[in-house]
Amino acid sequence: MNEQALMLWGVLFSSFGMGYFIYGKRQKTIVPLLCGLGLMVFPYFVSSTLPMVIIGILLMAVPYFVRF
């Protein structure tokens, strides 16, 4: 079950990451671009569900609070 949950969360966060990345690239804003890149890459390095969810939510929230 844990492997399935990791895969599902990884796909979900990577999808949001792709959206953030495309938005940041088109708007030429660095914060969404880097958060999108982070959201697409970090699931490869996290092997537990709870840290994956926490890191993913934090990376998704950063562009709302940090604006450049």
N, C-alpha and C. Protein backbone atom coordinates (compact mmCIF):
# COMPACT_ATOMS: atom_id res chain seq x y z
N MET A 1 0.82 -1.20 0.00
CA MET A 1 0.00 0.00 0.00
C MET A 1 0.86 1.26 0.00
N ASN A 2 1.96 1.24 0.73
CA ASN A 2 2.80 2.42 0.83
C ASN A 2 3.39 2.80 -0.53
N GLU A 3 3.80 1.81 -1.31
CA GLU A 3 4.37 2.09 -2.62
C GLU A 3 3.33 2.72 -3.55
N GLN A 4 2.10 2.26 -3.44
CA GLN A 4 1.04 2.84 -4.26
C GLN A 4 0.74 4.27 -3.86
N ALA A 5 0.74 4.53 -2.56
CA ALA A 5 0.51 5.88 -2.07
C ALA A 5 1.63 6.81 -2.51
N LEU A 6 2.87 6.33 -2.43
CA LEU A 6 4.01 7.15 -2.87
C LEU A 6 3.89 7.49 -4.34
N MET A 7 3.51 6.52 -5.15
CA MET A 7 3.38 6.77 -6.58
C MET A 7 2.26 7.77 -6.87
N LEU A 8 1.14 7.60 -6.19
CA LEU A 8 0.02 8.52 -6.39
C LEU A 8 0.39 9.95 -5.98
N TRP A 9 0.99 10.11 -4.80
CA TRP A 9 1.40 11.44 -4.36
C TRP A 9 2.47 12.02 -5.29
N GLY A 10 3.39 11.18 -5.74
CA GLY A 10 4.43 11.64 -6.66
C GLY A 10 3.85 12.16 -7.97
N VAL A 11 2.89 11.46 -8.51
CA VAL A 11 2.25 11.89 -9.76
C VAL A 11 1.46 13.18 -9.53
N LEU A 12 0.77 13.26 -8.40
CA LEU A 12 -0.01 14.46 -8.09
C LEU A 12 0.89 15.69 -7.96
N PHE A 13 1.93 15.57 -7.15
CA PHE A 13 2.82 16.72 -6.96
C PHE A 13 3.60 17.06 -8.23
N SER A 14 3.97 16.06 -9.00
CA SER A 14 4.66 16.34 -10.27
C SER A 14 3.75 17.05 -11.26
N SER A 15 2.47 16.73 -11.25
CA SER A 15 1.52 17.41 -12.13
C SER A 15 1.38 18.88 -11.74
N PHE A 16 1.25 19.14 -10.45
CA PHE A 16 1.22 20.53 -10.00
C PHE A 16 2.54 21.22 -10.33
N GLY A 17 3.64 20.51 -10.18
CA GLY A 17 4.94 21.07 -10.50
C GLY A 17 5.06 21.47 -11.96
N MET A 18 4.52 20.65 -12.84
CA MET A 18 4.55 20.99 -14.27
C MET A 18 3.75 22.27 -14.52
N GLY A 19 2.61 22.39 -13.87
CA GLY A 19 1.81 23.61 -14.02
C GLY A 19 2.55 24.83 -13.49
N TYR A 20 3.16 24.73 -12.32
CA TYR A 20 3.93 25.85 -11.76
C TYR A 20 5.10 26.20 -12.67
N PHE A 21 5.77 25.17 -13.17
CA PHE A 21 6.93 25.39 -14.04
C PHE A 21 6.54 26.13 -15.31
N ILE A 22 5.48 25.69 -15.95
CA ILE A 22 5.01 26.34 -17.19
C ILE A 22 4.57 27.77 -16.90
N TYR A 23 3.85 27.97 -15.80
CA TYR A 23 3.41 29.32 -15.42
C TYR A 23 4.61 30.23 -15.17
N GLY A 24 5.58 29.74 -14.41
CA GLY A 24 6.77 30.54 -14.12
C GLY A 24 7.57 30.87 -15.35
N LYS A 25 7.64 29.94 -16.28
CA LYS A 25 8.39 30.16 -17.52
C LYS A 25 7.70 31.20 -18.40
N ARG A 26 6.38 31.10 -18.52
CA ARG A 26 5.65 32.04 -19.36
C ARG A 26 5.59 33.44 -18.76
N GLN A 27 5.45 33.52 -17.43
CA GLN A 27 5.35 34.82 -16.76
C GLN A 27 6.72 35.40 -16.42
N LYS A 28 7.78 34.59 -16.63
CA LYS A 28 9.14 34.99 -16.31
C LYS A 28 9.28 35.35 -14.83
N THR A 29 8.72 34.50 -13.97
CA THR A 29 8.86 34.66 -12.52
C THR A 29 9.62 33.45 -11.98
N ILE A 30 10.61 33.73 -11.15
CA ILE A 30 11.54 32.70 -10.72
C ILE A 30 10.96 31.78 -9.64
N VAL A 31 10.14 32.32 -8.73
CA VAL A 31 9.65 31.50 -7.61
C VAL A 31 8.76 30.35 -8.08
N PRO A 32 7.72 30.60 -8.90
CA PRO A 32 6.93 29.45 -9.37
C PRO A 32 7.75 28.49 -10.24
N LEU A 33 8.69 29.02 -10.99
CA LEU A 33 9.53 28.18 -11.84
C LEU A 33 10.35 27.22 -10.99
N LEU A 34 10.99 27.72 -9.95
CA LEU A 34 11.81 26.87 -9.09
C LEU A 34 10.97 25.92 -8.24
N CYS A 35 9.82 26.39 -7.77
CA CYS A 35 8.94 25.50 -7.00
C CYS A 35 8.40 24.38 -7.90
N GLY A 36 8.07 24.71 -9.13
CA GLY A 36 7.61 23.69 -10.06
C GLY A 36 8.69 22.66 -10.33
N LEU A 37 9.91 23.13 -10.51
CA LEU A 37 11.03 22.21 -10.72
C LEU A 37 11.22 21.33 -9.48
N GLY A 38 11.14 21.95 -8.31
CA GLY A 38 11.26 21.18 -7.07
C GLY A 38 10.16 20.15 -6.91
N LEU A 39 8.93 20.54 -7.25
CA LEU A 39 7.80 19.60 -7.14
C LEU A 39 7.94 18.43 -8.11
N MET A 40 8.56 18.67 -9.24
CA MET A 40 8.74 17.58 -10.20
C MET A 40 9.88 16.64 -9.80
N VAL A 41 10.86 17.14 -9.08
CA VAL A 41 12.06 16.35 -8.80
C VAL A 41 12.04 15.68 -7.43
N PHE A 42 11.49 16.33 -6.41
CA PHE A 42 11.64 15.80 -5.06
C PHE A 42 11.01 14.43 -4.83
N PRO A 43 9.94 14.00 -5.53
CA PRO A 43 9.41 12.65 -5.26
C PRO A 43 10.41 11.53 -5.53
N TYR A 44 11.42 11.79 -6.33
CA TYR A 44 12.43 10.76 -6.59
C TYR A 44 13.32 10.51 -5.38
N PHE A 45 13.41 11.47 -4.48
CA PHE A 45 14.34 11.37 -3.36
C PHE A 45 13.67 11.12 -2.01
N VAL A 46 12.35 11.11 -1.95
CA VAL A 46 11.63 10.90 -0.69
C VAL A 46 11.00 9.52 -0.73
N SER A 47 11.24 8.74 0.32
CA SER A 47 10.75 7.36 0.30
C SER A 47 9.69 7.08 1.37
N SER A 48 9.11 8.12 1.94
CA SER A 48 8.07 7.94 2.93
C SER A 48 6.90 8.87 2.60
N THR A 49 5.70 8.43 2.90
CA THR A 49 4.51 9.17 2.49
C THR A 49 4.34 10.48 3.22
N LEU A 50 4.47 10.48 4.53
CA LEU A 50 4.24 11.71 5.30
C LEU A 50 5.22 12.83 4.94
N PRO A 51 6.53 12.57 4.87
CA PRO A 51 7.42 13.65 4.43
C PRO A 51 7.12 14.12 3.00
N MET A 52 6.71 13.20 2.14
CA MET A 52 6.39 13.60 0.77
C MET A 52 5.22 14.58 0.75
N VAL A 53 4.20 14.29 1.52
CA VAL A 53 3.02 15.16 1.56
C VAL A 53 3.38 16.52 2.16
N ILE A 54 4.15 16.51 3.23
CA ILE A 54 4.53 17.78 3.89
C ILE A 54 5.39 18.63 2.97
N ILE A 55 6.41 18.03 2.36
CA ILE A 55 7.29 18.79 1.45
C ILE A 55 6.50 19.29 0.25
N GLY A 56 5.64 18.46 -0.29
CA GLY A 56 4.84 18.86 -1.45
C GLY A 56 3.92 20.03 -1.14
N ILE A 57 3.25 19.99 0.00
CA ILE A 57 2.36 21.09 0.38
C ILE A 57 3.15 22.37 0.61
N LEU A 58 4.31 22.25 1.25
CA LEU A 58 5.14 23.45 1.46
C LEU A 58 5.61 24.05 0.14
N LEU A 59 6.05 23.20 -0.78
CA LEU A 59 6.49 23.72 -2.09
C LEU A 59 5.34 24.33 -2.89
N MET A 60 4.14 23.78 -2.71
CA MET A 60 3.00 24.36 -3.41
C MET A 60 2.59 25.70 -2.80
N ALA A 61 2.84 25.89 -1.51
CA ALA A 61 2.42 27.12 -0.83
C ALA A 61 3.42 28.26 -0.99
N VAL A 62 4.68 27.96 -1.27
CA VAL A 62 5.72 28.99 -1.34
C VAL A 62 5.38 30.11 -2.33
N PRO A 63 4.91 29.84 -3.55
CA PRO A 63 4.64 30.95 -4.47
C PRO A 63 3.55 31.91 -4.00
N TYR A 64 2.68 31.46 -3.10
CA TYR A 64 1.64 32.34 -2.60
C TYR A 64 2.17 33.32 -1.57
N PHE A 65 3.23 32.94 -0.88
CA PHE A 65 3.77 33.78 0.18
C PHE A 65 5.02 34.54 -0.23
N VAL A 66 5.77 34.02 -1.18
CA VAL A 66 7.01 34.67 -1.63
C VAL A 66 6.79 35.16 -3.05
N ARG A 67 6.91 36.43 -3.24
CA ARG A 67 6.70 37.01 -4.58
C ARG A 67 7.91 37.86 -4.97
N PHE A 68 8.44 37.57 -6.15
CA PHE A 68 9.54 38.38 -6.71
C PHE A 68 9.15 38.86 -8.07
